[in-house]
Amino acid sequence: MRRPFLRAKIHRARVTGRDLHYEGSITIDTELLAAADLLVLEQVDVYNVTTGTRFSTYCIPGPAGSGEINVNGAAAHLVAEGDLVIVAAYCWLDREDIPEHRARVVLVDEANRIVEVREQTPFDGPR
């Protein structure tokens, strides 16, 4: 039996823009993508901490060091500039892979600059 686990997360990033007329996706500063080990075109779930809305989309790269978190397409209706969001990606693991699993958790400041990158296991206590 395979089970879903968090693989990567950018925690409480601030939305810097929205573009309703773009095809879709979320534009993320390439430094944040790299820190979280997220790839261009990878599916992510976005949780709006400010409003409670949630949606799935895919990543596209923004300029390195820009702090950009731009929500595009129809999902732009679900955010406002300044909203706090969590961007998360998941993976499916077989039971024997669980002990070795490490999720990347990227913590950012108010300008979406990296403050800390953590690795978390399924066996870590609450934070």
Protein backbone atom coordinates (compact mmCIF):
# COMPACT_ATOMS: atom_id res chain seq x y z
CA MET A 1 0.00 0.00 0.00
CA ARG A 2 1.36 3.41 -0.96
CA ARG A 3 0.66 6.44 1.22
CA PRO A 4 0.81 10.18 0.42
CA PHE A 5 3.37 12.32 2.26
CA LEU A 6 4.43 15.95 2.15
CA ARG A 7 7.51 16.25 -0.06
CA ALA A 8 8.11 20.01 -0.18
CA LYS A 9 6.61 23.15 1.31
CA ILE A 10 7.13 26.89 1.11
CA HIS A 11 5.54 28.08 4.34
CA ARG A 12 3.60 31.35 4.67
CA ALA A 13 4.88 33.12 1.58
CA ARG A 14 3.28 36.44 0.71
CA VAL A 15 1.44 36.78 -2.63
CA THR A 16 3.19 39.51 -4.61
CA GLY A 17 0.84 39.61 -7.58
CA ARG A 18 -1.97 38.01 -9.52
CA ASP A 19 -2.71 37.84 -13.24
CA LEU A 20 -6.19 36.69 -14.18
CA HIS A 21 -5.43 36.72 -17.91
CA TYR A 22 -2.39 34.45 -17.78
CA GLU A 23 -2.92 30.81 -18.85
CA GLY A 24 -2.57 29.46 -15.34
CA SER A 25 -0.03 28.40 -12.73
CA ILE A 26 1.91 30.01 -9.90
CA THR A 27 5.10 31.95 -10.58
CA ILE A 28 7.68 31.35 -7.84
CA ASP A 29 11.13 32.92 -7.37
CA THR A 30 13.62 30.33 -8.67
CA GLU A 31 15.62 30.52 -5.42
CA LEU A 32 12.50 29.41 -3.53
CA LEU A 33 11.85 26.65 -6.07
CA ALA A 34 15.41 25.35 -5.63
CA ALA A 35 15.32 25.57 -1.83
CA ALA A 36 12.09 23.55 -1.74
CA ASP A 37 13.29 21.18 -4.48
CA LEU A 38 10.27 22.07 -6.64
CA LEU A 39 10.56 21.76 -10.40
CA VAL A 40 9.10 23.90 -13.16
CA LEU A 41 5.74 22.39 -14.21
CA GLU A 42 5.50 20.35 -10.99
CA GLN A 43 2.01 20.19 -9.47
CA VAL A 44 1.53 22.00 -6.19
CA ASP A 45 -1.34 22.68 -3.85
CA VAL A 46 -1.72 26.25 -2.65
CA TYR A 47 -3.38 26.96 0.70
CA ASN A 48 -4.42 30.56 1.29
CA VAL A 49 -3.79 31.11 5.01
CA THR A 50 -5.51 34.50 4.84
CA THR A 51 -8.84 33.36 3.33
CA GLY A 52 -8.87 29.58 3.67
CA THR A 53 -9.19 28.88 -0.06
CA ARG A 54 -7.22 26.01 -1.61
CA PHE A 55 -6.33 25.11 -5.18
CA SER A 56 -3.95 23.00 -7.25
CA THR A 57 -1.76 24.34 -10.04
CA TYR A 58 1.81 24.00 -11.33
CA CYS A 59 5.04 25.96 -10.86
CA ILE A 60 6.65 28.33 -13.33
CA PRO A 61 9.93 30.14 -12.61
CA GLY A 62 10.18 33.75 -11.47
CA PRO A 63 13.33 35.87 -11.35
CA ALA A 64 15.89 34.68 -8.78
CA GLY A 65 15.93 36.78 -5.64
CA SER A 66 12.72 38.61 -6.57
CA GLY A 67 10.57 37.03 -3.86
CA GLU A 68 7.88 36.65 -6.50
CA ILE A 69 4.81 34.58 -5.67
CA ASN A 70 2.37 35.41 -8.46
CA VAL A 71 -0.90 33.49 -8.87
CA ASN A 72 -2.07 33.28 -12.46
CA GLY A 73 -5.20 32.36 -14.39
CA ALA A 74 -8.50 31.46 -12.76
CA ALA A 75 -6.81 30.90 -9.39
CA ALA A 76 -6.05 34.64 -9.30
CA HIS A 77 -9.67 35.00 -8.11
CA LEU A 78 -8.69 33.10 -4.94
CA VAL A 79 -5.92 35.41 -3.72
CA ALA A 80 -5.14 39.07 -3.17
CA GLU A 81 -1.73 40.71 -3.05
CA GLY A 82 -0.40 40.37 0.46
CA ASP A 83 -2.25 37.13 1.28
CA LEU A 84 -0.17 34.50 3.05
CA VAL A 85 -0.02 31.14 1.28
CA ILE A 86 1.51 27.72 1.77
CA VAL A 87 2.75 25.99 -1.39
CA ALA A 88 2.98 22.21 -0.95
CA ALA A 89 3.92 19.20 -3.07
CA TYR A 90 3.31 15.57 -2.16
CA CYS A 91 4.69 12.16 -3.05
CA TRP A 92 3.44 8.59 -2.69
CA LEU A 93 5.65 6.28 -0.64
CA ASP A 94 5.76 2.54 -0.14
CA ARG A 95 5.96 1.47 3.50
CA GLU A 96 9.65 0.55 3.20
CA ASP A 97 10.51 4.06 1.90
CA ILE A 98 8.88 5.94 4.77
CA PRO A 99 11.79 5.73 7.27
CA GLU A 100 14.14 7.42 4.78
CA HIS A 101 11.69 10.13 3.67
CA ARG A 102 12.63 13.78 4.27
CA ALA A 103 10.31 16.66 3.40
CA ARG A 104 11.87 20.04 2.55
CA VAL A 105 10.25 22.92 4.46
CA VAL A 106 11.24 26.44 3.42
CA LEU A 107 10.47 29.25 5.86
CA VAL A 108 10.44 32.79 4.49
CA ASP A 109 10.27 36.33 5.84
CA GLU A 110 7.78 39.08 4.86
CA ALA A 111 9.66 39.70 1.59
CA ASN A 112 9.69 35.97 0.72
CA ARG A 113 13.42 35.71 1.42
CA ILE A 114 14.58 32.35 2.74
CA VAL A 115 15.00 32.35 6.51
CA GLU A 116 15.46 28.62 7.08
CA VAL A 117 15.29 25.32 5.19
CA ARG A 118 14.34 22.31 7.29
CA GLU A 119 14.09 18.62 6.59
CA GLN A 120 11.26 16.91 8.39
CA THR A 121 10.62 13.19 8.75
CA PRO A 122 7.33 11.36 9.36
CA PHE A 123 8.69 10.57 12.84
CA ASP A 124 9.47 14.12 13.97
CA GLY A 125 7.33 15.44 16.78
CA PRO A 126 5.00 18.43 16.37
CA ARG A 127 6.58 21.81 15.68
